[in-house]
Amino acid sequence: MSSSKVQNVQSQVNDVSFMPQFSFPMSYLIRDLSGYECWTDTGNAERVVNLMQDNITKVMQRGENLEQLNAKAEDLSSSSAQFKKGASDVRKAMWWKDMKMKLILGGVLAAIIIIIIYF
């Protein structure tokens, strides 16, 4: 905006006769219109486009990372189920092995006691 247009707008903003509900000049809200930058500047537009493209790329990368993480979580879940089943099978096998040992020892002790009692 040109300097004369800025001054014209600022003078109109300071004139609060058209808005009696405000008891203060609007220049408190709009301090300096001379620093106004137009977004049609190609440098700013290119920076915004590049920033948006970078953000879209990051969002897509994040989506891929989430998909990979989800796949790893599913693999971990299935392997944990297999581990649980394997651990349960090993626990049962060890329990039977321990029980067999106890039965064998009990049988041997019973045989020794029977031999001692009859002889």
PDB file of N, CA and C in Angstrom:
ATOM      1  N   MET A   1       0.846  -1.178   0.000  1.00  0.00           N
ATOM      2  CA  MET A   1       0.000   0.000   0.000  1.00  0.00           C
ATOM      3  C   MET A   1       0.888   1.237   0.000  1.00  0.00           C
ATOM      4  N   SER A   2       0.426   2.243  -0.673  1.00  0.00           N
ATOM      5  CA  SER A   2       1.211   3.470  -0.719  1.00  0.00           C
ATOM      6  C   SER A   2       1.046   4.233   0.588  1.00  0.00           C
ATOM      7  N   SER A   3       1.958   5.133   0.817  1.00  0.00           N
ATOM      8  CA  SER A   3       1.974   5.899   2.069  1.00  0.00           C
ATOM      9  C   SER A   3       0.723   6.757   2.226  1.00  0.00           C
ATOM     10  N   SER A   4       0.244   7.386   1.138  1.00  0.00           N
ATOM     11  CA  SER A   4      -0.946   8.241   1.240  1.00  0.00           C
ATOM     12  C   SER A   4      -2.181   7.402   1.547  1.00  0.00           C
ATOM     13  N   LYS A   5      -2.263   6.207   0.964  1.00  0.00           N
ATOM     14  CA  LYS A   5      -3.405   5.349   1.248  1.00  0.00           C
ATOM     15  C   LYS A   5      -3.380   4.891   2.701  1.00  0.00           C
ATOM     16  N   VAL A   6      -2.208   4.585   3.214  1.00  0.00           N
ATOM     17  CA  VAL A   6      -2.078   4.163   4.611  1.00  0.00           C
ATOM     18  C   VAL A   6      -2.507   5.281   5.535  1.00  0.00           C
ATOM     19  N   GLN A   7      -2.050   6.491   5.268  1.00  0.00           N
ATOM     20  CA  GLN A   7      -2.428   7.627   6.106  1.00  0.00           C
ATOM     21  C   GLN A   7      -3.926   7.879   6.021  1.00  0.00           C
ATOM     22  N   ASN A   8      -4.513   7.724   4.851  1.00  0.00           N
ATOM     23  CA  ASN A   8      -5.946   7.919   4.664  1.00  0.00           C
ATOM     24  C   ASN A   8      -6.724   6.897   5.499  1.00  0.00           C
ATOM     25  N   VAL A   9      -6.307   5.643   5.433  1.00  0.00           N
ATOM     26  CA  VAL A   9      -6.985   4.593   6.201  1.00  0.00           C
ATOM     27  C   VAL A   9      -6.817   4.834   7.691  1.00  0.00           C
ATOM     28  N   GLN A  10      -5.609   5.225   8.123  1.00  0.00           N
ATOM     29  CA  GLN A  10      -5.384   5.475   9.539  1.00  0.00           C
ATOM     30  C   GLN A  10      -6.230   6.641  10.034  1.00  0.00           C
ATOM     31  N   SER A  11      -6.381   7.669   9.218  1.00  0.00           N
ATOM     32  CA  SER A  11      -7.207   8.812   9.648  1.00  0.00           C
ATOM     33  C   SER A  11      -8.667   8.403   9.740  1.00  0.00           C
ATOM     34  N   GLN A  12      -9.125   7.537   8.822  1.00  0.00           N
ATOM     35  CA  GLN A  12     -10.505   7.064   8.896  1.00  0.00           C
ATOM     36  C   GLN A  12     -10.706   6.166  10.107  1.00  0.00           C
ATOM     37  N   VAL A  13      -9.699   5.365  10.429  1.00  0.00           N
ATOM     38  CA  VAL A  13      -9.799   4.473  11.584  1.00  0.00           C
ATOM     39  C   VAL A  13      -9.838   5.280  12.871  1.00  0.00           C
ATOM     40  N   ASN A  14      -9.048   6.362  12.942  1.00  0.00           N
ATOM     41  CA  ASN A  14      -9.031   7.189  14.137  1.00  0.00           C
ATOM     42  C   ASN A  14     -10.332   7.961  14.332  1.00  0.00           C
ATOM     43  N   ASP A  15     -11.068   8.177  13.260  1.00  0.00           N
ATOM     44  CA  ASP A  15     -12.357   8.860  13.344  1.00  0.00           C
ATOM     45  C   ASP A  15     -13.403   7.838  13.773  1.00  0.00           C
ATOM     46  N   VAL A  16     -13.781   7.856  15.033  1.00  0.00           N
ATOM     47  CA  VAL A  16     -14.714   6.868  15.569  1.00  0.00           C
ATOM     48  C   VAL A  16     -16.154   7.370  15.565  1.00  0.00           C
ATOM     49  N   SER A  17     -16.437   8.432  14.823  1.00  0.00           N
ATOM     50  CA  SER A  17     -17.801   8.952  14.800  1.00  0.00           C
ATOM     51  C   SER A  17     -18.754   7.964  14.149  1.00  0.00           C
ATOM     52  N   PHE A  18     -18.235   7.103  13.264  1.00  0.00           N
ATOM     53  CA  PHE A  18     -19.109   6.125  12.624  1.00  0.00           C
ATOM     54  C   PHE A  18     -19.339   4.905  13.532  1.00  0.00           C
ATOM     55  N   MET A  19     -18.573   4.780  14.618  1.00  0.00           N
ATOM     56  CA  MET A  19     -18.765   3.691  15.579  1.00  0.00           C
ATOM     57  C   MET A  19     -18.795   4.271  16.982  1.00  0.00           C
ATOM     58  N   PRO A  20     -19.942   4.799  17.434  1.00  0.00           N
ATOM     59  CA  PRO A  20     -19.983   5.437  18.741  1.00  0.00           C
ATOM     60  C   PRO A  20     -19.811   4.477  19.907  1.00  0.00           C
ATOM     61  N   GLN A  21     -19.969   3.174  19.687  1.00  0.00           N
ATOM     62  CA  GLN A  21     -19.837   2.241  20.800  1.00  0.00           C
ATOM     63  C   GLN A  21     -18.385   2.107  21.266  1.00  0.00           C
ATOM     64  N   PHE A  22     -17.400   2.464  20.422  1.00  0.00           N
ATOM     65  CA  PHE A  22     -16.009   2.415  20.824  1.00  0.00           C
ATOM     66  C   PHE A  22     -15.615   3.759  21.416  1.00  0.00           C
ATOM     67  N   SER A  23     -15.033   3.732  22.596  1.00  0.00           N
ATOM     68  CA  SER A  23     -14.613   4.980  23.227  1.00  0.00           C
ATOM     69  C   SER A  23     -13.129   5.245  23.014  1.00  0.00           C
ATOM     70  N   PHE A  24     -12.460   4.434  22.228  1.00  0.00           N
ATOM     71  CA  PHE A  24     -11.041   4.635  21.971  1.00  0.00           C
ATOM     72  C   PHE A  24     -10.799   4.584  20.468  1.00  0.00           C
ATOM     73  N   PRO A  25      -9.767   5.236  19.988  1.00  0.00           N
ATOM     74  CA  PRO A  25      -9.481   5.207  18.553  1.00  0.00           C
ATOM     75  C   PRO A  25      -9.100   3.801  18.117  1.00  0.00           C
ATOM     76  N   MET A  26      -9.499   3.435  16.921  1.00  0.00           N
ATOM     77  CA  MET A  26      -9.203   2.115  16.390  1.00  0.00           C
ATOM     78  C   MET A  26      -7.710   1.936  16.117  1.00  0.00           C
ATOM     79  N   SER A  27      -6.963   3.027  16.182  1.00  0.00           N
ATOM     80  CA  SER A  27      -5.522   2.904  15.924  1.00  0.00           C
ATOM     81  C   SER A  27      -4.845   2.078  17.013  1.00  0.00           C
ATOM     82  N   TYR A  28      -5.497   1.889  18.173  1.00  0.00           N
ATOM     83  CA  TYR A  28      -4.938   0.993  19.177  1.00  0.00           C
ATOM     84  C   TYR A  28      -4.968  -0.452  18.680  1.00  0.00           C
ATOM     85  N   LEU A  29      -5.958  -0.755  17.857  1.00  0.00           N
ATOM     86  CA  LEU A  29      -6.067  -2.106  17.323  1.00  0.00           C
ATOM     87  C   LEU A  29      -5.191  -2.292  16.093  1.00  0.00           C
ATOM     88  N   ILE A  30      -5.158  -1.273  15.237  1.00  0.00           N
ATOM     89  CA  ILE A  30      -4.344  -1.336  14.024  1.00  0.00           C
ATOM     90  C   ILE A  30      -3.289  -0.254  14.153  1.00  0.00           C
ATOM     91  N   ARG A  31      -2.135  -0.620  14.652  1.00  0.00           N
ATOM     92  CA  ARG A  31      -1.113   0.372  14.977  1.00  0.00           C
ATOM     93  C   ARG A  31      -0.401   0.895  13.741  1.00  0.00           C
ATOM     94  N   ASP A  32      -0.020   0.025  12.870  1.00  0.00           N
ATOM     95  CA  ASP A  32       0.834   0.479  11.776  1.00  0.00           C
ATOM     96  C   ASP A  32       0.473  -0.282  10.516  1.00  0.00           C
ATOM     97  N   LEU A  33      -0.182   0.378   9.594  1.00  0.00           N
ATOM     98  CA  LEU A  33      -0.536  -0.259   8.334  1.00  0.00           C
ATOM     99  C   LEU A  33       0.596  -0.179   7.319  1.00  0.00           C
ATOM    100  N   SER A  34       1.617   0.618   7.615  1.00  0.00           N
ATOM    101  CA  SER A  34       2.711   0.744   6.654  1.00  0.00           C
ATOM    102  C   SER A  34       3.552  -0.526   6.593  1.00  0.00           C
ATOM    103  N   GLY A  35       3.498  -1.372   7.617  1.00  0.00           N
ATOM    104  CA  GLY A  35       4.262  -2.614   7.622  1.00  0.00           C
ATOM    105  C   GLY A  35       3.498  -3.760   6.993  1.00  0.00           C
ATOM    106  N   TYR A  36       2.383  -3.479   6.365  1.00  0.00           N
ATOM    107  CA  TYR A  36       1.550  -4.512   5.763  1.00  0.00           C
ATOM    108  C   TYR A  36       2.269  -5.129   4.571  1.00  0.00           C
ATOM    109  N   GLU A  37       2.344  -6.452   4.563  1.00  0.00           N
ATOM    110  CA  GLU A  37       2.971  -7.149   3.439  1.00  0.00           C
ATOM    111  C   GLU A  37       1.896  -7.922   2.706  1.00  0.00           C
ATOM    112  N   CYS A  38       1.956  -7.856   1.419  1.00  0.00           N
ATOM    113  CA  CYS A  38       0.971  -8.549   0.596  1.00  0.00           C
ATOM    114  C   CYS A  38       1.438  -9.982   0.359  1.00  0.00           C
ATOM    115  N   TRP A  39       0.535 -10.943   0.489  1.00  0.00           N
ATOM    116  CA  TRP A  39       0.884 -12.346   0.311  1.00  0.00           C
ATOM    117  C   TRP A  39       1.041 -12.707  -1.162  1.00  0.00           C
ATOM    118  N   THR A  40       0.805 -11.755  -2.043  1.00  0.00           N
ATOM    119  CA  THR A  40       1.013 -12.048  -3.454  1.00  0.00           C
ATOM    120  C   THR A  40       2.482 -11.983  -3.836  1.00  0.00           C
ATOM    121  N   ASP A  41       3.329 -11.547  -2.928  1.00  0.00           N
ATOM    122  CA  ASP A  41       4.763 -11.556  -3.166  1.00  0.00           C
ATOM    123  C   ASP A  41       5.190 -13.005  -3.437  1.00  0.00           C
ATOM    124  N   THR A  42       5.860 -13.232  -4.552  1.00  0.00           N
ATOM    125  CA  THR A  42       6.181 -14.606  -4.959  1.00  0.00           C
ATOM    126  C   THR A  42       7.139 -15.277  -3.984  1.00  0.00           C
ATOM    127  N   GLY A  43       8.004 -14.529  -3.352  1.00  0.00           N
ATOM    128  CA  GLY A  43       8.927 -15.122  -2.378  1.00  0.00           C
ATOM    129  C   GLY A  43       8.178 -15.720  -1.210  1.00  0.00           C
ATOM    130  N   ASN A  44       7.220 -14.967  -0.672  1.00  0.00           N
ATOM    131  CA  ASN A  44       6.426 -15.482   0.437  1.00  0.00           C
ATOM    132  C   ASN A  44       5.567 -16.652  -0.013  1.00  0.00           C
ATOM    133  N   ALA A  45       4.977 -16.536  -1.188  1.00  0.00           N
ATOM    134  CA  ALA A  45       4.119 -17.612  -1.694  1.00  0.00           C
ATOM    135  C   ALA A  45       4.932 -18.887  -1.902  1.00  0.00           C
ATOM    136  N   GLU A  46       6.132 -18.749  -2.447  1.00  0.00           N
ATOM    137  CA  GLU A  46       6.972 -19.927  -2.657  1.00  0.00           C
ATOM    138  C   GLU A  46       7.390 -20.541  -1.332  1.00  0.00           C
ATOM    139  N   ARG A  47       7.687 -19.704  -0.349  1.00  0.00           N
ATOM    140  CA  ARG A  47       8.041 -20.236   0.976  1.00  0.00           C
ATOM    141  C   ARG A  47       6.874 -20.984   1.586  1.00  0.00           C
ATOM    142  N   VAL A  48       5.660 -20.433   1.432  1.00  0.00           N
ATOM    143  CA  VAL A  48       4.470 -21.092   1.980  1.00  0.00           C
ATOM    144  C   VAL A  48       4.229 -22.418   1.264  1.00  0.00           C
ATOM    145  N   VAL A  49       4.367 -22.418  -0.076  1.00  0.00           N
ATOM    146  CA  VAL A  49       4.174 -23.654  -0.845  1.00  0.00           C
ATOM    147  C   VAL A  49       5.219 -24.690  -0.431  1.00  0.00           C
ATOM    148  N   ASN A  50       6.474 -24.283  -0.297  1.00  0.00           N
ATOM    149  CA  ASN A  50       7.527 -25.216   0.119  1.00  0.00           C
ATOM    150  C   ASN A  50       7.260 -25.756   1.516  1.00  0.00           C
ATOM    151  N   LEU A  51       6.828 -24.884   2.412  1.00  0.00           N
ATOM    152  CA  LEU A  51       6.510 -25.310   3.776  1.00  0.00           C
ATOM    153  C   LEU A  51       5.359 -26.311   3.775  1.00  0.00           C
ATOM    154  N   MET A  52       4.344 -26.046   2.973  1.00  0.00           N
ATOM    155  CA  MET A  52       3.207 -26.961   2.893  1.00  0.00           C
ATOM    156  C   MET A  52       3.634 -28.301   2.292  1.00  0.00           C
ATOM    157  N   GLN A  53       4.478 -28.270   1.264  1.00  0.00           N
ATOM    158  CA  GLN A  53       4.965 -29.517   0.665  1.00  0.00           C
ATOM    159  C   GLN A  53       5.793 -30.309   1.676  1.00  0.00           C
ATOM    160  N   ASP A  54       6.635 -29.609   2.441  1.00  0.00           N
ATOM    161  CA  ASP A  54       7.415 -30.290   3.483  1.00  0.00           C
ATOM    162  C   ASP A  54       6.490 -30.917   4.521  1.00  0.00           C
ATOM    163  N   ASN A  55       5.452 -30.180   4.917  1.00  0.00           N
ATOM    164  CA  ASN A  55       4.515 -30.708   5.910  1.00  0.00           C
ATOM    165  C   ASN A  55       3.774 -31.925   5.376  1.00  0.00           C
ATOM    166  N   ILE A  56       3.376 -31.884   4.107  1.00  0.00           N
ATOM    167  CA  ILE A  56       2.682 -33.032   3.504  1.00  0.00           C
ATOM    168  C   ILE A  56       3.623 -34.229   3.444  1.00  0.00           C
ATOM    169  N   THR A  57       4.879 -33.989   3.093  1.00  0.00           N
ATOM    170  CA  THR A  57       5.863 -35.071   3.055  1.00  0.00           C
ATOM    171  C   THR A  57       6.055 -35.677   4.439  1.00  0.00           C
ATOM    172  N   LYS A  58       6.122 -34.815   5.465  1.00  0.00           N
ATOM    173  CA  LYS A  58       6.285 -35.311   6.830  1.00  0.00           C
ATOM    174  C   LYS A  58       5.061 -36.105   7.284  1.00  0.00           C
ATOM    175  N   VAL A  59       3.871 -35.661   6.907  1.00  0.00           N
ATOM    176  CA  VAL A  59       2.649 -36.384   7.275  1.00  0.00           C
ATOM    177  C   VAL A  59       2.627 -37.752   6.596  1.00  0.00           C
ATOM    178  N   MET A  60       3.019 -37.797   5.326  1.00  0.00           N
ATOM    179  CA  MET A  60       3.062 -39.082   4.619  1.00  0.00           C
ATOM    180  C   MET A  60       4.101 -40.006   5.254  1.00  0.00           C
ATOM    181  N   GLN A  61       5.262 -39.466   5.608  1.00  0.00           N
ATOM    182  CA  GLN A  61       6.308 -40.261   6.264  1.00  0.00           C
ATOM    183  C   GLN A  61       5.811 -40.768   7.612  1.00  0.00           C
ATOM    184  N   ARG A  62       5.083 -39.926   8.321  1.00  0.00           N
ATOM    185  CA  ARG A  62       4.527 -40.328   9.617  1.00  0.00           C
ATOM    186  C   ARG A  62       3.530 -41.465   9.433  1.00  0.00           C
ATOM    187  N   GLY A  63       2.722 -41.381   8.369  1.00  0.00           N
ATOM    188  CA  GLY A  63       1.765 -42.451   8.075  1.00  0.00           C
ATOM    189  C   GLY A  63       2.478 -43.766   7.788  1.00  0.00           C
ATOM    190  N   GLU A  64       3.561 -43.687   7.007  1.00  0.00           N
ATOM    191  CA  GLU A  64       4.337 -44.894   6.724  1.00  0.00           C
ATOM    192  C   GLU A  64       4.944 -45.454   8.002  1.00  0.00           C
ATOM    193  N   ASN A  65       5.475 -44.575   8.847  1.00  0.00           N
ATOM    194  CA  ASN A  65       6.059 -45.024  10.108  1.00  0.00           C
ATOM    195  C   ASN A  65       5.007 -45.680  10.990  1.00  0.00           C
ATOM    196  N   LEU A  66       3.804 -45.123  11.010  1.00  0.00           N
ATOM    197  CA  LEU A  66       2.729 -45.709  11.808  1.00  0.00           C
ATOM    198  C   LEU A  66       2.333 -47.076  11.258  1.00  0.00           C
ATOM    199  N   GLU A  67       2.306 -47.212   9.933  1.00  0.00           N
ATOM    200  CA  GLU A  67       1.989 -48.513   9.339  1.00  0.00           C
ATOM    201  C   GLU A  67       3.053 -49.541   9.701  1.00  0.00           C
ATOM    202  N   GLN A  68       4.323 -49.149   9.642  1.00  0.00           N
ATOM    203  CA  GLN A  68       5.403 -50.060  10.016  1.00  0.00           C
ATOM    204  C   GLN A  68       5.299 -50.444  11.492  1.00  0.00           C
ATOM    205  N   LEU A  69       5.005 -49.472  12.329  1.00  0.00           N
ATOM    206  CA  LEU A  69       4.863 -49.733  13.754  1.00  0.00           C
ATOM    207  C   LEU A  69       3.691 -50.666  14.020  1.00  0.00           C
ATOM    208  N   ASN A  70       2.591 -50.477  13.289  1.00  0.00           N
ATOM    209  CA  ASN A  70       1.426 -51.339  13.444  1.00  0.00           C
ATOM    210  C   ASN A  70       1.763 -52.767  13.012  1.00  0.00           C
ATOM    211  N   ALA A  71       2.497 -52.921  11.913  1.00  0.00           N
ATOM    212  CA  ALA A  71       2.900 -54.250  11.453  1.00  0.00           C
ATOM    213  C   ALA A  71       3.804 -54.925  12.483  1.00  0.00           C
ATOM    214  N   LYS A  72       4.739 -54.162  13.051  1.00  0.00           N
ATOM    215  CA  LYS A  72       5.623 -54.729  14.078  1.00  0.00           C
ATOM    216  C   LYS A  72       4.829 -55.135  15.314  1.00  0.00           C
ATOM    217  N   ALA A  73       3.837 -54.339  15.680  1.00  0.00           N
ATOM    218  CA  ALA A  73       3.011 -54.667  16.841  1.00  0.00           C
ATOM    219  C   ALA A  73       2.213 -55.946  16.600  1.00  0.00           C
ATOM    220  N   GLU A  74       1.693 -56.104  15.391  1.00  0.00           N
ATOM    221  CA  GLU A  74       0.961 -57.334  15.066  1.00  0.00           C
ATOM    222  C   GLU A  74       1.888 -58.542  15.092  1.00  0.00           C
ATOM    223  N   ASP A  75       3.103 -58.397  14.544  1.00  0.00           N
ATOM    224  CA  ASP A  75       4.080 -59.493  14.577  1.00  0.00           C
ATOM    225  C   ASP A  75       4.436 -59.852  16.018  1.00  0.00           C
ATOM    226  N   LEU A  76       4.632 -58.847  16.836  1.00  0.00           N
ATOM    227  CA  LEU A  76       4.959 -59.075  18.243  1.00  0.00           C
ATOM    228  C   LEU A  76       3.812 -59.777  18.958  1.00  0.00           C
ATOM    229  N   SER A  77       2.589 -59.394  18.633  1.00  0.00           N
ATOM    230  CA  SER A  77       1.427 -60.022  19.246  1.00  0.00           C
ATOM    231  C   SER A  77       1.337 -61.496  18.865  1.00  0.00           C
ATOM    232  N   SER A  78       1.542 -61.809  17.580  1.00  0.00           N
ATOM    233  CA  SER A  78       1.463 -63.211  17.159  1.00  0.00           C
ATOM    234  C   SER A  78       2.610 -64.024  17.751  1.00  0.00           C
ATOM    235  N   SER A  79       3.819 -63.462  17.787  1.00  0.00           N
ATOM    236  CA  SER A  79       4.937 -64.213  18.364  1.00  0.00           C
ATOM    237  C   SER A  79       4.784 -64.355  19.873  1.00  0.00           C
ATOM    238  N   SER A  80       4.148 -63.393  20.536  1.00  0.00           N
ATOM    239  CA  SER A  80       3.916 -63.553  21.976  1.00  0.00           C
ATOM    240  C   SER A  80       2.888 -64.645  22.240  1.00  0.00           C
ATOM    241  N   ALA A  81       1.890 -64.786  21.366  1.00  0.00           N
ATOM    242  CA  ALA A  81       0.910 -65.865  21.506  1.00  0.00           C
ATOM    243  C   ALA A  81       1.596 -67.217  21.304  1.00  0.00           C
ATOM    244  N   GLN A  82       2.501 -67.308  20.317  1.00  0.00           N
ATOM    245  CA  GLN A  82       3.245 -68.549  20.102  1.00  0.00           C
ATOM    246  C   GLN A  82       4.149 -68.862  21.290  1.00  0.00           C
ATOM    247  N   PHE A  83       4.791 -67.835  21.838  1.00  0.00           N
ATOM    248  CA  PHE A  83       5.650 -68.027  22.998  1.00  0.00           C
ATOM    249  C   PHE A  83       4.826 -68.517  24.191  1.00  0.00           C
ATOM    250  N   LYS A  84       3.651 -67.928  24.387  1.00  0.00           N
ATOM    251  CA  LYS A  84       2.793 -68.339  25.499  1.00  0.00           C
ATOM    252  C   LYS A  84       2.389 -69.803  25.357  1.00  0.00           C
ATOM    253  N   LYS A  85       2.023 -70.223  24.147  1.00  0.00           N
ATOM    254  CA  LYS A  85       1.636 -71.615  23.910  1.00  0.00           C
ATOM    255  C   LYS A  85       2.830 -72.534  24.139  1.00  0.00           C
ATOM    256  N   GLY A  86       4.000 -72.158  23.623  1.00  0.00           N
ATOM    257  CA  GLY A  86       5.211 -72.957  23.817  1.00  0.00           C
ATOM    258  C   GLY A  86       5.585 -73.057  25.284  1.00  0.00           C
ATOM    259  N   ALA A  87       5.490 -71.951  26.016  1.00  0.00           N
ATOM    260  CA  ALA A  87       5.815 -71.956  27.439  1.00  0.00           C
ATOM    261  C   ALA A  87       4.840 -72.835  28.213  1.00  0.00           C
ATOM    262  N   SER A  88       3.582 -72.791  27.824  1.00  0.00           N
ATOM    263  CA  SER A  88       2.583 -73.640  28.484  1.00  0.00           C
ATOM    264  C   SER A  88       2.874 -75.118  28.223  1.00  0.00           C
ATOM    265  N   ASP A  89       3.240 -75.450  26.976  1.00  0.00           N
ATOM    266  CA  ASP A  89       3.578 -76.840  26.647  1.00  0.00           C
ATOM    267  C   ASP A  89       4.802 -77.312  27.440  1.00  0.00           C
ATOM    268  N   VAL A  90       5.816 -76.459  27.544  1.00  0.00           N
ATOM    269  CA  VAL A  90       7.027 -76.814  28.296  1.00  0.00           C
ATOM    270  C   VAL A  90       6.691 -76.994  29.766  1.00  0.00           C
ATOM    271  N   ARG A  91       5.844 -76.095  30.307  1.00  0.00           N
ATOM    272  CA  ARG A  91       5.453 -76.201  31.719  1.00  0.00           C
ATOM    273  C   ARG A  91       4.748 -77.525  31.984  1.00  0.00           C
ATOM    274  N   LYS A  92       3.821 -77.907  31.090  1.00  0.00           N
ATOM    275  CA  LYS A  92       3.108 -79.182  31.258  1.00  0.00           C
ATOM    276  C   LYS A  92       4.067 -80.365  31.144  1.00  0.00           C
ATOM    277  N   ALA A  93       4.984 -80.310  30.193  1.00  0.00           N
ATOM    278  CA  ALA A  93       5.948 -81.404  30.022  1.00  0.00           C
ATOM    279  C   ALA A  93       6.830 -81.545  31.257  1.00  0.00           C
ATOM    280  N   MET A  94       7.279 -80.429  31.807  1.00  0.00           N
ATOM    281  CA  MET A  94       8.118 -80.468  33.001  1.00  0.00           C
ATOM    282  C   MET A  94       7.329 -80.971  34.213  1.00  0.00           C
ATOM    283  N   TRP A  95       6.055 -80.596  34.286  1.00  0.00           N
ATOM    284  CA  TRP A  95       5.222 -81.070  35.398  1.00  0.00           C
ATOM    285  C   TRP A  95       5.095 -82.599  35.328  1.00  0.00           C
ATOM    286  N   TRP A  96       4.834 -83.143  34.112  1.00  0.00           N
ATOM    287  CA  TRP A  96       4.717 -84.593  33.962  1.00  0.00           C
ATOM    288  C   TRP A  96       6.050 -85.278  34.269  1.00  0.00           C
ATOM    289  N   LYS A  97       7.148 -84.674  33.849  1.00  0.00           N
ATOM    290  CA  LYS A  97       8.468 -85.257  34.134  1.00  0.00           C
ATOM    291  C   LYS A  97       8.709 -85.293  35.635  1.00  0.00           C
ATOM    292  N   ASP A  98       8.377 -84.209  36.322  1.00  0.00           N
ATOM    293  CA  ASP A  98       8.522 -84.145  37.771  1.00  0.00           C
ATOM    294  C   ASP A  98       7.612 -85.167  38.457  1.00  0.00           C
ATOM    295  N   MET A  99       6.372 -85.291  37.957  1.00  0.00           N
ATOM    296  CA  MET A  99       5.430 -86.239  38.536  1.00  0.00           C
ATOM    297  C   MET A  99       5.926 -87.676  38.336  1.00  0.00           C
ATOM    298  N   LYS A 100       6.474 -87.980  37.162  1.00  0.00           N
ATOM    299  CA  LYS A 100       7.014 -89.320  36.914  1.00  0.00           C
ATOM    300  C   LYS A 100       8.146 -89.633  37.888  1.00  0.00           C
ATOM    301  N   MET A 101       9.010 -88.629  38.104  1.00  0.00           N
ATOM    302  CA  MET A 101      10.125 -88.827  39.031  1.00  0.00           C
ATOM    303  C   MET A 101       9.603 -89.082  40.441  1.00  0.00           C
ATOM    304  N   LYS A 102       8.600 -88.336  40.856  1.00  0.00           N
ATOM    305  CA  LYS A 102       8.026 -88.540  42.189  1.00  0.00           C
ATOM    306  C   LYS A 102       7.390 -89.926  42.305  1.00  0.00           C
ATOM    307  N   LEU A 103       6.673 -90.367  41.260  1.00  0.00           N
ATOM    308  CA  LEU A 103       6.054 -91.688  41.278  1.00  0.00           C
ATOM    309  C   LEU A 103       7.110 -92.803  41.324  1.00  0.00           C
ATOM    310  N   ILE A 104       8.187 -92.639  40.566  1.00  0.00           N
ATOM    311  CA  ILE A 104       9.262 -93.629  40.573  1.00  0.00           C
ATOM    312  C   ILE A 104       9.901 -93.686  41.952  1.00  0.00           C
ATOM    313  N   LEU A 105      10.212 -92.520  42.534  1.00  0.00           N
ATOM    314  CA  LEU A 105      10.804 -92.499  43.881  1.00  0.00           C
ATOM    315  C   LEU A 105       9.833 -93.094  44.908  1.00  0.00           C
ATOM    316  N   GLY A 106       8.551 -92.752  44.765  1.00  0.00           N
ATOM    317  CA  GLY A 106       7.554 -93.323  45.695  1.00  0.00           C
ATOM    318  C   GLY A 106       7.459 -94.831  45.537  1.00  0.00           C
ATOM    319  N   GLY A 107       7.504 -95.327  44.322  1.00  0.00           N
ATOM    320  CA  GLY A 107       7.463 -96.780  44.086  1.00  0.00           C
ATOM    321  C   GLY A 107       8.686 -97.477  44.643  1.00  0.00           C
ATOM    322  N   VAL A 108       9.863 -96.875  44.438  1.00  0.00           N
ATOM    323  CA  VAL A 108      11.102 -97.457  44.963  1.00  0.00           C
ATOM    324  C   VAL A 108      11.050 -97.481  46.485  1.00  0.00           C
ATOM    325  N   LEU A 109      10.606 -96.386  47.111  1.00  0.00           N
ATOM    326  CA  LEU A 109      10.503 -96.345  48.581  1.00  0.00           C
ATOM    327  C   LEU A 109       9.478 -97.367  49.073  1.00  0.00           C
ATOM    328  N   ALA A 110       8.347 -97.480  48.378  1.00  0.00           N
ATOM    329  CA  ALA A 110       7.340 -98.468  48.774  1.00  0.00           C
ATOM    330  C   ALA A 110       7.904 -99.878  48.649  1.00  0.00           C
ATOM    331  N   ALA A 111       8.665-100.146  47.588  1.00  0.00           N
ATOM    332  CA  ALA A 111       9.263-101.466  47.420  1.00  0.00           C
ATOM    333  C   ALA A 111      10.283-101.747  48.522  1.00  0.00           C
ATOM    334  N   ILE A 112      11.094-100.739  48.883  1.00  0.00           N
ATOM    335  CA  ILE A 112      12.060-100.905  49.960  1.00  0.00           C
ATOM    336  C   ILE A 112      11.344-101.172  51.284  1.00  0.00           C
ATOM    337  N   ILE A 113      10.293-100.437  51.567  1.00  0.00           N
ATOM    338  CA  ILE A 113       9.537-100.623  52.812  1.00  0.00           C
ATOM    339  C   ILE A 113       8.904-102.013  52.833  1.00  0.00           C
ATOM    340  N   ILE A 114       8.352-102.449  51.711  1.00  0.00           N
ATOM    341  CA  ILE A 114       7.729-103.783  51.640  1.00  0.00           C
ATOM    342  C   ILE A 114       8.808-104.872  51.838  1.00  0.00           C
ATOM    343  N   ILE A 115       9.965-104.687  51.260  1.00  0.00           N
ATOM    344  CA  ILE A 115      11.049-105.666  51.409  1.00  0.00           C
ATOM    345  C   ILE A 115      11.507-105.708  52.860  1.00  0.00           C
ATOM    346  N   ILE A 116      11.599-104.555  53.496  1.00  0.00           N
ATOM    347  CA  ILE A 116      12.053-104.487  54.892  1.00  0.00           C
ATOM    348  C   ILE A 116      11.013-105.161  55.790  1.00  0.00           C
ATOM    349  N   ILE A 117       9.735-104.901  55.540  1.00  0.00           N
ATOM    350  CA  ILE A 117       8.671-105.443  56.394  1.00  0.00           C
ATOM    351  C   ILE A 117       8.594-106.971  56.246  1.00  0.00           C
ATOM    352  N   TYR A 118       8.679-107.545  55.069  1.00  0.00           N
ATOM    353  CA  TYR A 118       8.531-108.987  54.874  1.00  0.00           C
ATOM    354  C   TYR A 118       9.805-109.767  55.183  1.00  0.00           C
ATOM    355  N   PHE A 119      10.929-109.188  55.257  1.00  0.00           N
ATOM    356  CA  PHE A 119      12.145-109.950  55.509  1.00  0.00           C
ATOM    357  C   PHE A 119      12.670-109.633  56.825  1.00  0.00           C
TER     358      PHE A 119
END
